Amino acid sequence: MDLATVDKLLTTTRSVRKRLDLDRPVPPEIIEECLEIAIQAPTGSNSQGWHFMIVTDAEKKAQIGELYKQSFFIYARSNQEQTESQGSREHDPEQQSRVVKSAVYLAQNMHKVPVMVIPCIEGRVENAGPMAQAGLYGSILPAAWSFMFALRARGLGAAWTTLHLRYEQDIADILGIPSHITQAALLPVAYYTGEDFQPAKRVPAVEVTSWESWGNKW
């Protein structure tokens, strides 16, 4: 494999928000092509119980976008109150400020994205234990992430969002999603504007890794 290309893909697939091109159409063929790659991802017990809900209808996007915006600002207020009461734990305040501004932008413009993709999985976990929950989400999240990699390789971006799940049933009603199906995320998909992406600032892996016992460094 060309490791330089693979490593670049893995380290520069960002959650794209402000740089999503809201005006450029996304051909359905590209979505289908990326999904064919996505379904090569592993699933628990090889269940393959995934489904991908694609939304391009303007009225449905407007309804979902409004619910997402409501959920975002509820979350933002709660998060701000928690930060004020407990104090900030940000590793990089400048980077966090950029993330917050881009998140606000996305909340205000979610309804304008060319394509919404909602990765779904068969089953519910409301009354299930940790193992069942991990198995269910572990059977859809790898495919959704592979989908984002495939988009990135083709010059498109997406953002990993889950705030719509506050209104999961409302969105299920809008889209006719059956009651036994779990929505895992909401991915706004579009071409991106500007130049290439760079790796994000992260805490070094060695600082969040333990060997053999918790807290033991290599």
Protein backbone atom coordinates (compact mmCIF):
# COMPACT_ATOMS: atom_id res chain seq x y z
CA MET A 1 0.00 0.00 0.00
CA ASP A 2 1.00 3.61 -0.48
CA LEU A 3 1.34 4.37 3.23
CA ALA A 4 1.75 8.11 2.73
CA THR A 5 -1.63 8.32 1.00
CA VAL A 6 -3.31 6.02 3.49
CA ASP A 7 -1.89 7.92 6.46
CA LYS A 8 -2.97 11.24 4.97
CA LEU A 9 -6.51 9.95 4.50
CA LEU A 10 -6.63 8.67 8.08
CA THR A 11 -5.19 11.82 9.66
CA THR A 12 -7.01 14.47 7.62
CA THR A 13 -10.58 13.16 7.46
CA ARG A 14 -12.13 15.94 9.50
CA SER A 15 -15.66 16.77 10.57
CA VAL A 16 -16.35 19.45 7.96
CA ARG A 17 -18.86 22.14 8.89
CA LYS A 18 -18.15 25.71 7.73
CA ARG A 19 -16.35 24.47 4.63
CA LEU A 20 -19.24 22.43 3.29
CA ASP A 21 -20.25 23.78 -0.12
CA LEU A 22 -23.97 24.33 0.37
CA ASP A 23 -24.58 25.34 -3.25
CA ARG A 24 -22.88 22.57 -5.25
CA PRO A 25 -25.04 19.52 -5.97
CA VAL A 26 -23.75 16.08 -5.02
CA PRO A 27 -24.38 13.40 -7.69
CA PRO A 28 -26.32 10.41 -6.31
CA GLU A 29 -23.81 8.10 -8.01
CA ILE A 30 -21.05 9.28 -5.67
CA ILE A 31 -23.18 8.54 -2.61
CA GLU A 32 -23.92 5.06 -3.94
CA GLU A 33 -20.26 4.45 -4.78
CA CYS A 34 -19.14 5.46 -1.29
CA LEU A 35 -21.81 3.29 0.31
CA GLU A 36 -20.60 0.26 -1.65
CA ILE A 37 -17.24 0.83 0.03
CA ALA A 38 -18.85 1.44 3.42
CA ILE A 39 -20.63 -1.91 3.52
CA GLN A 40 -17.31 -3.71 3.39
CA ALA A 41 -16.87 -2.71 7.04
CA PRO A 42 -17.04 -5.41 9.76
CA THR A 43 -20.22 -6.05 11.74
CA GLY A 44 -20.97 -8.00 14.90
CA SER A 45 -21.61 -11.68 14.06
CA ASN A 46 -21.50 -10.62 10.40
CA SER A 47 -25.08 -9.44 10.86
CA GLN A 48 -24.99 -6.71 8.18
CA GLY A 49 -28.17 -5.18 9.62
CA TRP A 50 -27.33 -1.71 8.36
CA HIS A 51 -29.43 0.71 6.37
CA PHE A 52 -28.55 4.17 5.08
CA MET A 53 -31.27 6.81 4.91
CA ILE A 54 -30.47 9.39 2.21
CA VAL A 55 -32.34 12.69 2.38
CA THR A 56 -32.25 15.28 -0.42
CA ASP A 57 -35.86 16.52 -0.35
CA ALA A 58 -35.85 20.21 0.61
CA GLU A 59 -38.93 20.02 2.83
CA LYS A 60 -37.67 17.00 4.77
CA LYS A 61 -34.23 18.56 5.16
CA ALA A 62 -35.88 21.72 6.51
CA GLN A 63 -37.80 19.72 9.12
CA ILE A 64 -34.74 17.73 10.18
CA GLY A 65 -32.56 20.85 10.15
CA GLU A 66 -34.95 22.65 12.48
CA LEU A 67 -34.96 19.76 14.95
CA TYR A 68 -31.18 19.55 14.79
CA LYS A 69 -30.88 23.28 15.48
CA GLN A 70 -33.21 23.05 18.46
CA SER A 71 -31.23 20.14 19.88
CA PHE A 72 -27.92 21.88 19.28
CA PHE A 73 -28.82 25.00 21.24
CA ILE A 74 -30.25 22.94 24.10
CA TYR A 75 -26.94 21.05 24.18
CA ALA A 76 -24.88 24.24 23.88
CA ARG A 77 -26.65 25.90 26.81
CA SER A 78 -26.26 22.80 28.97
CA ASN A 79 -22.60 22.46 28.05
CA GLN A 80 -21.90 26.11 28.82
CA GLU A 81 -23.56 25.85 32.23
CA GLN A 82 -21.53 22.73 33.02
CA THR A 83 -18.29 24.41 31.94
CA GLU A 84 -19.01 27.45 34.09
CA SER A 85 -19.76 25.33 37.15
CA GLN A 86 -16.85 22.89 36.78
CA GLY A 87 -14.26 25.03 35.04
CA SER A 88 -12.77 24.57 31.57
CA ARG A 89 -10.76 21.44 30.75
CA GLU A 90 -9.92 22.39 27.18
CA HIS A 91 -6.57 21.18 25.87
CA ASP A 92 -6.47 23.90 23.19
CA PRO A 93 -8.87 26.83 23.82
CA GLU A 94 -8.19 28.37 20.41
CA GLN A 95 -8.98 25.15 18.58
CA GLN A 96 -12.06 24.61 20.74
CA SER A 97 -13.28 28.12 19.91
CA ARG A 98 -13.04 27.33 16.20
CA VAL A 99 -14.95 24.09 16.71
CA VAL A 100 -17.72 25.88 18.59
CA LYS A 101 -18.10 28.55 15.90
CA SER A 102 -18.22 25.93 13.15
CA ALA A 103 -20.75 23.88 15.13
CA VAL A 104 -23.02 26.92 15.49
CA TYR A 105 -22.69 27.55 11.77
CA LEU A 106 -23.68 23.98 10.95
CA ALA A 107 -26.68 24.14 13.28
CA GLN A 108 -27.90 27.27 11.52
CA ASN A 109 -27.32 25.83 8.05
CA MET A 110 -27.98 22.11 8.41
CA HIS A 111 -31.13 22.38 6.29
CA LYS A 112 -29.08 23.74 3.37
CA VAL A 113 -26.68 20.81 2.95
CA PRO A 114 -27.09 19.00 -0.39
CA VAL A 115 -27.38 15.54 1.16
CA MET A 116 -28.14 14.19 4.62
CA VAL A 117 -27.12 10.60 5.34
CA ILE A 118 -28.47 8.82 8.42
CA PRO A 119 -26.69 5.49 9.09
CA CYS A 120 -29.14 3.09 10.75
CA ILE A 121 -28.96 -0.39 12.23
CA GLU A 122 -31.58 -3.06 12.93
CA GLY A 123 -32.40 -3.40 16.62
CA ARG A 124 -32.88 -1.28 19.74
CA VAL A 125 -30.81 -1.10 22.93
CA GLU A 126 -32.99 0.87 25.34
CA ASN A 127 -33.12 -2.00 27.84
CA ALA A 128 -29.92 -3.77 26.82
CA GLY A 129 -26.64 -4.07 28.69
CA PRO A 130 -23.24 -2.70 27.67
CA MET A 131 -22.30 -5.74 25.56
CA ALA A 132 -25.45 -5.57 23.45
CA GLN A 133 -25.14 -1.81 23.07
CA ALA A 134 -21.52 -2.08 21.98
CA GLY A 135 -22.39 -4.83 19.52
CA LEU A 136 -25.24 -2.87 17.98
CA TYR A 137 -23.37 0.41 17.50
CA GLY A 138 -20.19 -1.45 16.62
CA SER A 139 -22.06 -2.92 13.66
CA ILE A 140 -22.85 0.46 12.06
CA LEU A 141 -20.22 2.98 13.17
CA PRO A 142 -17.32 1.38 11.24
CA ALA A 143 -19.40 1.49 8.05
CA ALA A 144 -20.35 5.11 8.63
CA TRP A 145 -16.71 6.06 9.22
CA SER A 146 -15.64 4.17 6.08
CA PHE A 147 -18.29 6.14 4.20
CA MET A 148 -16.67 9.37 5.40
CA PHE A 149 -13.24 8.14 4.30
CA ALA A 150 -14.61 7.30 0.85
CA LEU A 151 -16.15 10.76 0.59
CA ARG A 152 -12.89 12.40 1.62
CA ALA A 153 -10.97 10.50 -1.06
CA ARG A 154 -13.38 11.91 -3.65
CA GLY A 155 -13.21 15.55 -2.58
CA LEU A 156 -16.31 15.61 -0.39
CA GLY A 157 -16.69 16.24 3.31
CA ALA A 158 -19.09 15.30 6.07
CA ALA A 159 -19.52 15.98 9.78
CA TRP A 160 -20.18 13.37 12.43
CA THR A 161 -23.26 14.57 14.33
CA THR A 162 -25.67 12.85 16.71
CA LEU A 163 -27.66 15.74 18.21
CA HIS A 164 -30.69 14.92 16.08
CA LEU A 165 -31.15 11.81 18.24
CA ARG A 166 -32.84 13.98 20.87
CA TYR A 167 -35.73 13.89 18.39
CA GLU A 168 -35.11 10.46 16.91
CA GLN A 169 -38.78 9.48 16.89
CA ASP A 170 -39.83 12.74 15.23
CA ILE A 171 -37.27 12.20 12.49
CA ALA A 172 -38.32 8.57 12.14
CA ASP A 173 -41.87 9.80 11.58
CA ILE A 174 -40.71 12.29 8.93
CA LEU A 175 -38.78 9.62 7.05
CA GLY A 176 -40.94 6.57 7.72
CA ILE A 177 -38.18 4.72 9.57
CA PRO A 178 -39.57 1.57 11.28
CA SER A 179 -39.68 1.38 15.07
CA HIS A 180 -37.17 -1.49 15.29
CA ILE A 181 -34.46 0.56 13.55
CA THR A 182 -31.87 2.63 15.47
CA GLN A 183 -30.46 5.81 13.96
CA ALA A 184 -26.74 6.09 14.74
CA ALA A 185 -25.72 9.48 13.33
CA LEU A 186 -26.60 12.28 10.95
CA LEU A 187 -23.97 13.07 8.32
CA PRO A 188 -24.34 16.31 6.34
CA VAL A 189 -22.56 15.63 3.03
CA ALA A 190 -21.22 18.12 0.48
CA TYR A 191 -18.19 19.04 -1.53
CA TYR A 192 -15.85 21.17 0.54
CA THR A 193 -14.42 24.58 -0.19
CA GLY A 194 -10.86 25.83 0.24
CA GLU A 195 -7.63 23.90 0.27
CA ASP A 196 -6.70 20.54 1.76
CA PHE A 197 -7.10 19.55 5.42
CA GLN A 198 -4.38 19.14 8.02
CA PRO A 199 -4.05 16.79 10.99
CA ALA A 200 -5.70 18.18 14.11
CA LYS A 201 -3.88 19.03 17.32
CA ARG A 202 -4.26 16.05 19.61
CA VAL A 203 -2.88 14.91 22.95
CA PRO A 204 -0.04 12.48 22.09
CA ALA A 205 -1.23 8.88 22.00
CA VAL A 206 1.35 7.86 24.61
CA GLU A 207 -0.45 10.06 27.15
CA VAL A 208 -3.73 8.22 26.72
CA THR A 209 -2.34 4.69 26.42
CA SER A 210 -1.74 2.11 29.14
CA TRP A 211 0.10 -1.22 28.79
CA GLU A 212 -0.92 -4.28 30.80
CA SER A 213 -2.44 -2.23 33.66
CA TRP A 214 -4.14 1.17 33.86
CA GLY A 215 -1.68 4.05 33.91
CA ASN A 216 1.33 1.89 33.06
CA LYS A 217 3.35 3.43 30.18
CA TRP A 218 5.40 1.54 27.66
